[in-house]
PDB file of N, CA and C in Angstrom:
ATOM      1  N   MET A   1     -18.509 -73.059  32.377  1.00  0.00           N
ATOM      2  CA  MET A   1     -17.192 -72.495  33.011  1.00  0.00           C
ATOM      3  C   MET A   1     -16.139 -72.594  32.151  1.00  0.00           C
ATOM      4  N   THR A   2     -15.384 -71.434  31.837  1.00  0.00           N
ATOM      5  CA  THR A   2     -14.425 -71.191  30.872  1.00  0.00           C
ATOM      6  C   THR A   2     -13.086 -71.170  31.498  1.00  0.00           C
ATOM      7  N   ASP A   3     -12.049 -71.550  30.658  1.00  0.00           N
ATOM      8  CA  ASP A   3     -10.683 -71.215  31.035  1.00  0.00           C
ATOM      9  C   ASP A   3      -9.876 -69.846  31.329  1.00  0.00           C
ATOM     10  N   THR A   4     -10.824 -68.901  30.797  1.00  0.00           N
ATOM     11  CA  THR A   4     -10.316 -67.440  30.847  1.00  0.00           C
ATOM     12  C   THR A   4     -10.275 -67.007  32.111  1.00  0.00           C
ATOM     13  N   PRO A   5      -8.951 -66.631  32.513  1.00  0.00           N
ATOM     14  CA  PRO A   5      -8.974 -65.990  34.060  1.00  0.00           C
ATOM     15  C   PRO A   5      -9.866 -64.604  34.079  1.00  0.00           C
ATOM     16  N   THR A   6     -10.282 -64.742  35.216  1.00  0.00           N
ATOM     17  CA  THR A   6     -11.417 -63.408  35.569  1.00  0.00           C
ATOM     18  C   THR A   6     -10.761 -62.681  36.758  1.00  0.00           C
ATOM     19  N   THR A   7     -11.196 -61.476  36.705  1.00  0.00           N
ATOM     20  CA  THR A   7     -11.236 -60.722  37.994  1.00  0.00           C
ATOM     21  C   THR A   7     -12.077 -61.214  39.133  1.00  0.00           C
ATOM     22  N   GLY A   8     -12.152 -60.286  40.052  1.00  0.00           N
ATOM     23  CA  GLY A   8     -13.140 -60.561  41.130  1.00  0.00           C
ATOM     24  C   GLY A   8     -14.475 -60.015  40.551  1.00  0.00           C
ATOM     25  N   THR A   9     -14.557 -59.448  39.524  1.00  0.00           N
ATOM     26  CA  THR A   9     -15.796 -58.642  38.922  1.00  0.00           C
ATOM     27  C   THR A   9     -16.332 -59.516  37.811  1.00  0.00           C
ATOM     28  N   ASP A  10     -15.646 -60.784  37.665  1.00  0.00           N
ATOM     29  CA  ASP A  10     -15.990 -61.690  36.481  1.00  0.00           C
ATOM     30  C   ASP A  10     -15.843 -61.245  35.141  1.00  0.00           C
ATOM     31  N   ALA A  11     -15.009 -60.101  35.160  1.00  0.00           N
ATOM     32  CA  ALA A  11     -14.681 -59.553  33.794  1.00  0.00           C
ATOM     33  C   ALA A  11     -13.254 -60.288  33.226  1.00  0.00           C
ATOM     34  N   PRO A  12     -13.539 -60.866  32.140  1.00  0.00           N
ATOM     35  CA  PRO A  12     -12.132 -61.634  31.607  1.00  0.00           C
ATOM     36  C   PRO A  12     -10.924 -60.772  31.656  1.00  0.00           C
ATOM     37  N   VAL A  13      -9.784 -61.598  31.850  1.00  0.00           N
ATOM     38  CA  VAL A  13      -8.646 -60.999  31.920  1.00  0.00           C
ATOM     39  C   VAL A  13      -7.972 -61.373  30.552  1.00  0.00           C
ATOM     40  N   SER A  14      -7.232 -60.340  29.979  1.00  0.00           N
ATOM     41  CA  SER A  14      -6.643 -60.806  28.668  1.00  0.00           C
ATOM     42  C   SER A  14      -5.505 -61.398  28.926  1.00  0.00           C
ATOM     43  N   ALA A  15      -4.871 -62.304  28.255  1.00  0.00           N
ATOM     44  CA  ALA A  15      -3.626 -63.033  28.632  1.00  0.00           C
ATOM     45  C   ALA A  15      -2.458 -61.894  28.740  1.00  0.00           C
ATOM     46  N   LYS A  16      -2.204 -60.885  28.088  1.00  0.00           N
ATOM     47  CA  LYS A  16      -1.430 -59.880  28.188  1.00  0.00           C
ATOM     48  C   LYS A  16      -1.420 -59.112  29.734  1.00  0.00           C
ATOM     49  N   ASP A  17      -2.583 -59.068  30.191  1.00  0.00           N
ATOM     50  CA  ASP A  17      -2.561 -58.584  31.590  1.00  0.00           C
ATOM     51  C   ASP A  17      -2.439 -59.548  32.608  1.00  0.00           C
ATOM     52  N   ALA A  18      -2.537 -60.756  32.256  1.00  0.00           N
ATOM     53  CA  ALA A  18      -2.383 -61.705  33.162  1.00  0.00           C
ATOM     54  C   ALA A  18      -0.898 -62.094  33.792  1.00  0.00           C
ATOM     55  N   ILE A  19      -0.004 -61.950  32.626  1.00  0.00           N
ATOM     56  CA  ILE A  19       1.565 -62.021  33.074  1.00  0.00           C
ATOM     57  C   ILE A  19       1.992 -60.581  33.149  1.00  0.00           C
ATOM     58  N   PRO A  20       2.575 -60.466  34.392  1.00  0.00           N
ATOM     59  CA  PRO A  20       3.135 -59.120  34.575  1.00  0.00           C
ATOM     60  C   PRO A  20       4.308 -58.879  33.840  1.00  0.00           C
ATOM     61  N   THR A  21       4.634 -57.766  33.239  1.00  0.00           N
ATOM     62  CA  THR A  21       5.696 -57.325  32.358  1.00  0.00           C
ATOM     63  C   THR A  21       6.990 -57.129  33.113  1.00  0.00           C
ATOM     64  N   LEU A  22       8.057 -57.405  32.793  1.00  0.00           N
ATOM     65  CA  LEU A  22       9.294 -57.435  33.466  1.00  0.00           C
ATOM     66  C   LEU A  22       9.984 -56.070  33.208  1.00  0.00           C
ATOM     67  N   THR A  23       9.778 -55.063  34.073  1.00  0.00           N
ATOM     68  CA  THR A  23      10.296 -53.743  33.999  1.00  0.00           C
ATOM     69  C   THR A  23      11.950 -53.693  34.488  1.00  0.00           C
ATOM     70  N   ARG A  24      12.304 -52.540  33.881  1.00  0.00           N
ATOM     71  CA  ARG A  24      13.871 -52.674  34.483  1.00  0.00           C
ATOM     72  C   ARG A  24      13.743 -52.587  35.785  1.00  0.00           C
ATOM     73  N   ARG A  25      13.175 -51.942  36.797  1.00  0.00           N
ATOM     74  CA  ARG A  25      13.120 -51.955  38.218  1.00  0.00           C
ATOM     75  C   ARG A  25      12.924 -53.529  38.759  1.00  0.00           C
ATOM     76  N   ARG A  26      11.696 -54.142  38.313  1.00  0.00           N
ATOM     77  CA  ARG A  26      11.684 -55.471  38.685  1.00  0.00           C
ATOM     78  C   ARG A  26      12.791 -56.383  38.318  1.00  0.00           C
ATOM     79  N   ALA A  27      13.369 -56.222  37.195  1.00  0.00           N
ATOM     80  CA  ALA A  27      14.552 -57.095  36.703  1.00  0.00           C
ATOM     81  C   ALA A  27      15.677 -56.806  37.846  1.00  0.00           C
ATOM     82  N   ALA A  28      15.852 -55.604  38.048  1.00  0.00           N
ATOM     83  CA  ALA A  28      16.985 -55.384  39.163  1.00  0.00           C
ATOM     84  C   ALA A  28      16.505 -55.740  40.451  1.00  0.00           C
ATOM     85  N   GLN A  29      15.360 -55.864  40.868  1.00  0.00           N
ATOM     86  CA  GLN A  29      15.041 -56.402  42.223  1.00  0.00           C
ATOM     87  C   GLN A  29      15.276 -57.816  42.120  1.00  0.00           C
ATOM     88  N   LEU A  30      14.800 -58.460  41.141  1.00  0.00           N
ATOM     89  CA  LEU A  30      14.785 -59.856  40.999  1.00  0.00           C
ATOM     90  C   LEU A  30      16.254 -60.473  40.915  1.00  0.00           C
ATOM     91  N   PHE A  31      17.121 -59.911  40.094  1.00  0.00           N
ATOM     92  CA  PHE A  31      18.405 -60.406  39.812  1.00  0.00           C
ATOM     93  C   PHE A  31      19.338 -59.817  40.844  1.00  0.00           C
ATOM     94  N   HIS A  32      19.083 -58.818  41.349  1.00  0.00           N
ATOM     95  CA  HIS A  32      20.182 -58.163  42.353  1.00  0.00           C
ATOM     96  C   HIS A  32      20.300 -58.813  43.782  1.00  0.00           C
ATOM     97  N   ASP A  33      19.385 -59.674  43.994  1.00  0.00           N
ATOM     98  CA  ASP A  33      19.183 -60.454  45.226  1.00  0.00           C
ATOM     99  C   ASP A  33      20.146 -61.399  45.208  1.00  0.00           C
ATOM    100  N   ASP A  34      21.264 -61.263  46.257  1.00  0.00           N
ATOM    101  CA  ASP A  34      22.387 -62.191  46.409  1.00  0.00           C
ATOM    102  C   ASP A  34      21.899 -63.353  47.425  1.00  0.00           C
ATOM    103  N   ALA A  35      20.830 -63.429  47.698  1.00  0.00           N
ATOM    104  CA  ALA A  35      20.482 -64.306  48.967  1.00  0.00           C
ATOM    105  C   ALA A  35      20.863 -65.844  48.493  1.00  0.00           C
ATOM    106  N   GLY A  36      21.506 -66.348  49.445  1.00  0.00           N
ATOM    107  CA  GLY A  36      21.700 -68.082  49.173  1.00  0.00           C
ATOM    108  C   GLY A  36      22.873 -68.282  48.309  1.00  0.00           C
ATOM    109  N   ALA A  37      23.578 -67.180  47.815  1.00  0.00           N
ATOM    110  CA  ALA A  37      24.885 -66.968  46.783  1.00  0.00           C
ATOM    111  C   ALA A  37      25.948 -67.668  47.848  1.00  0.00           C
ATOM    112  N   ALA A  38      26.084 -67.275  49.114  1.00  0.00           N
ATOM    113  CA  ALA A  38      27.282 -67.835  49.949  1.00  0.00           C
ATOM    114  C   ALA A  38      26.916 -69.310  50.232  1.00  0.00           C
ATOM    115  N   THR A  39      25.713 -69.866  50.337  1.00  0.00           N
ATOM    116  CA  THR A  39      25.354 -71.041  50.473  1.00  0.00           C
ATOM    117  C   THR A  39      25.717 -71.948  49.360  1.00  0.00           C
ATOM    118  N   ALA A  40      25.672 -71.550  48.256  1.00  0.00           N
ATOM    119  CA  ALA A  40      25.815 -72.002  46.803  1.00  0.00           C
ATOM    120  C   ALA A  40      27.321 -72.245  46.623  1.00  0.00           C
ATOM    121  N   GLU A  41      28.141 -70.984  47.347  1.00  0.00           N
ATOM    122  CA  GLU A  41      29.697 -71.187  47.062  1.00  0.00           C
ATOM    123  C   GLU A  41      30.167 -72.244  48.130  1.00  0.00           C
ATOM    124  N   TYR A  42      29.725 -72.275  49.092  1.00  0.00           N
ATOM    125  CA  TYR A  42      30.051 -73.474  50.216  1.00  0.00           C
ATOM    126  C   TYR A  42      29.753 -74.853  49.761  1.00  0.00           C
ATOM    127  N   ALA A  43      28.507 -75.083  49.094  1.00  0.00           N
ATOM    128  CA  ALA A  43      28.226 -76.182  48.419  1.00  0.00           C
ATOM    129  C   ALA A  43      29.157 -76.641  47.468  1.00  0.00           C
ATOM    130  N   ILE A  44      29.692 -75.863  46.443  1.00  0.00           N
ATOM    131  CA  ILE A  44      30.499 -76.033  45.498  1.00  0.00           C
ATOM    132  C   ILE A  44      32.053 -76.352  45.931  1.00  0.00           C
ATOM    133  N   ALA A  45      32.534 -75.559  47.096  1.00  0.00           N
ATOM    134  CA  ALA A  45      33.873 -75.731  47.620  1.00  0.00           C
ATOM    135  C   ALA A  45      33.649 -77.056  48.231  1.00  0.00           C
ATOM    136  N   THR A  46      32.466 -77.397  49.051  1.00  0.00           N
ATOM    137  CA  THR A  46      32.544 -78.716  49.604  1.00  0.00           C
ATOM    138  C   THR A  46      32.578 -79.952  48.788  1.00  0.00           C
ATOM    139  N   MET A  47      31.893 -79.926  47.422  1.00  0.00           N
ATOM    140  CA  MET A  47      31.827 -80.850  46.587  1.00  0.00           C
ATOM    141  C   MET A  47      33.386 -80.859  45.939  1.00  0.00           C
ATOM    142  N   ALA A  48      34.047 -79.932  45.711  1.00  0.00           N
ATOM    143  CA  ALA A  48      35.225 -79.962  45.319  1.00  0.00           C
ATOM    144  C   ALA A  48      36.221 -80.615  46.289  1.00  0.00           C
ATOM    145  N   ALA A  49      36.007 -80.192  47.348  1.00  0.00           N
ATOM    146  CA  ALA A  49      36.923 -80.999  48.418  1.00  0.00           C
ATOM    147  C   ALA A  49      36.662 -82.430  48.429  1.00  0.00           C
ATOM    148  N   VAL A  50      35.653 -82.830  48.484  1.00  0.00           N
ATOM    149  CA  VAL A  50      34.966 -84.356  48.373  1.00  0.00           C
ATOM    150  C   VAL A  50      35.587 -85.065  47.393  1.00  0.00           C
ATOM    151  N   ALA A  51      35.677 -84.475  46.176  1.00  0.00           N
ATOM    152  CA  ALA A  51      36.178 -85.064  44.775  1.00  0.00           C
ATOM    153  C   ALA A  51      37.841 -84.896  44.917  1.00  0.00           C
ATOM    154  N   PHE A  52      38.449 -83.954  45.526  1.00  0.00           N
ATOM    155  CA  PHE A  52      39.821 -84.152  45.696  1.00  0.00           C
ATOM    156  C   PHE A  52      40.106 -85.167  46.936  1.00  0.00           C
ATOM    157  N   ALA A  53      39.320 -85.362  47.802  1.00  0.00           N
ATOM    158  CA  ALA A  53      39.792 -86.503  48.694  1.00  0.00           C
ATOM    159  C   ALA A  53      39.344 -87.568  48.182  1.00  0.00           C
ATOM    160  N   GLY A  54      38.362 -87.880  47.355  1.00  0.00           N
ATOM    161  CA  GLY A  54      38.262 -89.346  46.565  1.00  0.00           C
ATOM    162  C   GLY A  54      39.356 -89.506  45.611  1.00  0.00           C
ATOM    163  N   LEU A  55      39.907 -88.409  45.116  1.00  0.00           N
ATOM    164  CA  LEU A  55      41.164 -88.791  44.230  1.00  0.00           C
ATOM    165  C   LEU A  55      42.489 -89.147  44.939  1.00  0.00           C
ATOM    166  N   LEU A  56      42.602 -88.609  46.288  1.00  0.00           N
ATOM    167  CA  LEU A  56      43.727 -88.831  47.021  1.00  0.00           C
ATOM    168  C   LEU A  56      43.532 -90.334  47.462  1.00  0.00           C
ATOM    169  N   VAL A  57      42.230 -90.707  47.708  1.00  0.00           N
ATOM    170  CA  VAL A  57      41.988 -92.243  48.278  1.00  0.00           C
ATOM    171  C   VAL A  57      42.465 -93.333  47.425  1.00  0.00           C
ATOM    172  N   VAL A  58      41.973 -92.796  46.030  1.00  0.00           N
ATOM    173  CA  VAL A  58      42.372 -93.664  44.841  1.00  0.00           C
ATOM    174  C   VAL A  58      43.793 -93.791  44.657  1.00  0.00           C
ATOM    175  N   ILE A  59      44.693 -92.622  44.782  1.00  0.00           N
ATOM    176  CA  ILE A  59      45.949 -92.418  44.689  1.00  0.00           C
ATOM    177  C   ILE A  59      46.817 -93.322  45.664  1.00  0.00           C
ATOM    178  N   MET A  60      46.289 -93.294  46.908  1.00  0.00           N
ATOM    179  CA  MET A  60      46.831 -93.772  48.193  1.00  0.00           C
ATOM    180  C   MET A  60      46.626 -95.173  48.259  1.00  0.00           C
ATOM    181  N   ARG A  61      45.633 -95.738  47.369  1.00  0.00           N
ATOM    182  CA  ARG A  61      45.272 -97.282  47.495  1.00  0.00           C
ATOM    183  C   ARG A  61      46.583 -97.964  46.344  1.00  0.00           C
ATOM    184  N   SER A  62      47.130 -97.118  45.732  1.00  0.00           N
ATOM    185  CA  SER A  62      47.903 -97.618  44.690  1.00  0.00           C
ATOM    186  C   SER A  62      49.302 -98.401  45.283  1.00  0.00           C
ATOM    187  N   ASP A  63      49.568 -99.473  44.762  1.00  0.00           N
ATOM    188  CA  ASP A  63      50.694-100.167  45.459  1.00  0.00           C
ATOM    189  C   ASP A  63      52.094 -99.520  45.430  1.00  0.00           C
ATOM    190  N   GLU A  64      52.261 -98.796  44.291  1.00  0.00           N
ATOM    191  CA  GLU A  64      53.392 -98.148  43.996  1.00  0.00           C
ATOM    192  C   GLU A  64      53.601 -96.895  44.957  1.00  0.00           C
ATOM    193  N   VAL A  65      52.468 -96.023  45.006  1.00  0.00           N
ATOM    194  CA  VAL A  65      52.539 -94.945  45.914  1.00  0.00           C
ATOM    195  C   VAL A  65      52.718 -95.448  47.591  1.00  0.00           C
ATOM    196  N   ARG A  66      51.984 -96.458  47.856  1.00  0.00           N
ATOM    197  CA  ARG A  66      52.188 -97.163  49.227  1.00  0.00           C
ATOM    198  C   ARG A  66      53.588 -97.528  49.527  1.00  0.00           C
ATOM    199  N   GLY A  67      54.165 -97.865  48.429  1.00  0.00           N
ATOM    200  CA  GLY A  67      55.692 -98.297  48.785  1.00  0.00           C
ATOM    201  C   GLY A  67      56.653 -97.351  48.837  1.00  0.00           C
ATOM    202  N   ILE A  68      56.210 -96.184  47.713  1.00  0.00           N
ATOM    203  CA  ILE A  68      56.966 -94.760  48.076  1.00  0.00           C
ATOM    204  C   ILE A  68      56.843 -94.391  49.616  1.00  0.00           C
ATOM    205  N   LEU A  69      55.680 -94.418  50.013  1.00  0.00           N
ATOM    206  CA  LEU A  69      55.263 -93.671  51.366  1.00  0.00           C
ATOM    207  C   LEU A  69      56.080 -94.458  52.435  1.00  0.00           C
ATOM    208  N   THR A  70      56.019 -95.823  52.458  1.00  0.00           N
ATOM    209  CA  THR A  70      56.447 -96.608  53.280  1.00  0.00           C
ATOM    210  C   THR A  70      58.076 -96.508  53.578  1.00  0.00           C
ATOM    211  N   ASP A  71      58.571 -96.496  52.345  1.00  0.00           N
ATOM    212  CA  ASP A  71      60.059 -96.339  52.047  1.00  0.00           C
ATOM    213  C   ASP A  71      60.611 -94.962  52.819  1.00  0.00           C
ATOM    214  N   LEU A  72      59.588 -93.912  52.444  1.00  0.00           N
ATOM    215  CA  LEU A  72      59.852 -92.544  52.985  1.00  0.00           C
ATOM    216  C   LEU A  72      59.779 -92.385  54.459  1.00  0.00           C
ATOM    217  N   VAL A  73      58.748 -93.190  55.100  1.00  0.00           N
ATOM    218  CA  VAL A  73      58.579 -93.337  56.530  1.00  0.00           C
ATOM    219  C   VAL A  73      59.945 -93.990  57.134  1.00  0.00           C
ATOM    220  N   ARG A  74      60.281 -95.128  56.515  1.00  0.00           N
ATOM    221  CA  ARG A  74      61.469 -95.967  57.142  1.00  0.00           C
ATOM    222  C   ARG A  74      62.625 -94.967  57.058  1.00  0.00           C
ATOM    223  N   ARG A  75      62.868 -94.347  56.002  1.00  0.00           N
ATOM    224  CA  ARG A  75      64.097 -93.431  56.054  1.00  0.00           C
ATOM    225  C   ARG A  75      64.192 -92.495  56.981  1.00  0.00           C
ATOM    226  N   ALA A  76      62.916 -91.916  57.411  1.00  0.00           N
ATOM    227  CA  ALA A  76      62.723 -90.888  58.346  1.00  0.00           C
ATOM    228  C   ALA A  76      63.056 -91.327  59.470  1.00  0.00           C
ATOM    229  N   LEU A  77      62.644 -92.593  59.868  1.00  0.00           N
ATOM    230  CA  LEU A  77      62.751 -93.062  61.379  1.00  0.00           C
ATOM    231  C   LEU A  77      63.972 -93.988  61.462  1.00  0.00           C
ATOM    232  N   THR A  78      64.696 -94.238  60.451  1.00  0.00           N
ATOM    233  CA  THR A  78      66.205 -94.631  60.873  1.00  0.00           C
ATOM    234  C   THR A  78      67.186 -94.124  60.951  1.00  0.00           C
ATOM    235  N   PHE A  79      67.971 -94.397  62.111  1.00  0.00           N
ATOM    236  CA  PHE A  79      69.203 -93.565  62.618  1.00  0.00           C
ATOM    237  C   PHE A  79      70.296 -94.255  61.954  1.00  0.00           C
ATOM    238  N   GLU A  80      71.272 -93.398  61.336  1.00  0.00           N
ATOM    239  CA  GLU A  80      72.465 -93.811  60.845  1.00  0.00           C
ATOM    240  C   GLU A  80      73.558 -93.106  61.268  1.00  0.00           C
TER     241      GLU A  80
END
């Protein structure tokens, strides 16, 4: 048994015929399809939102920022 691809008639198929050529029409069909593009955009936006939330958590854990926010809330709730 050989590794040469064959057709149903057992005639050997050349390597050139085994790989379909990429014609202009086929390329347009392959690369024009936008299926899944919206899902990818949502995934990127979700990852950006998670990264931003992580950054906010790191900032909010800072003692300096916590002090500024506490002071801001105290001033807002104090009546003079």
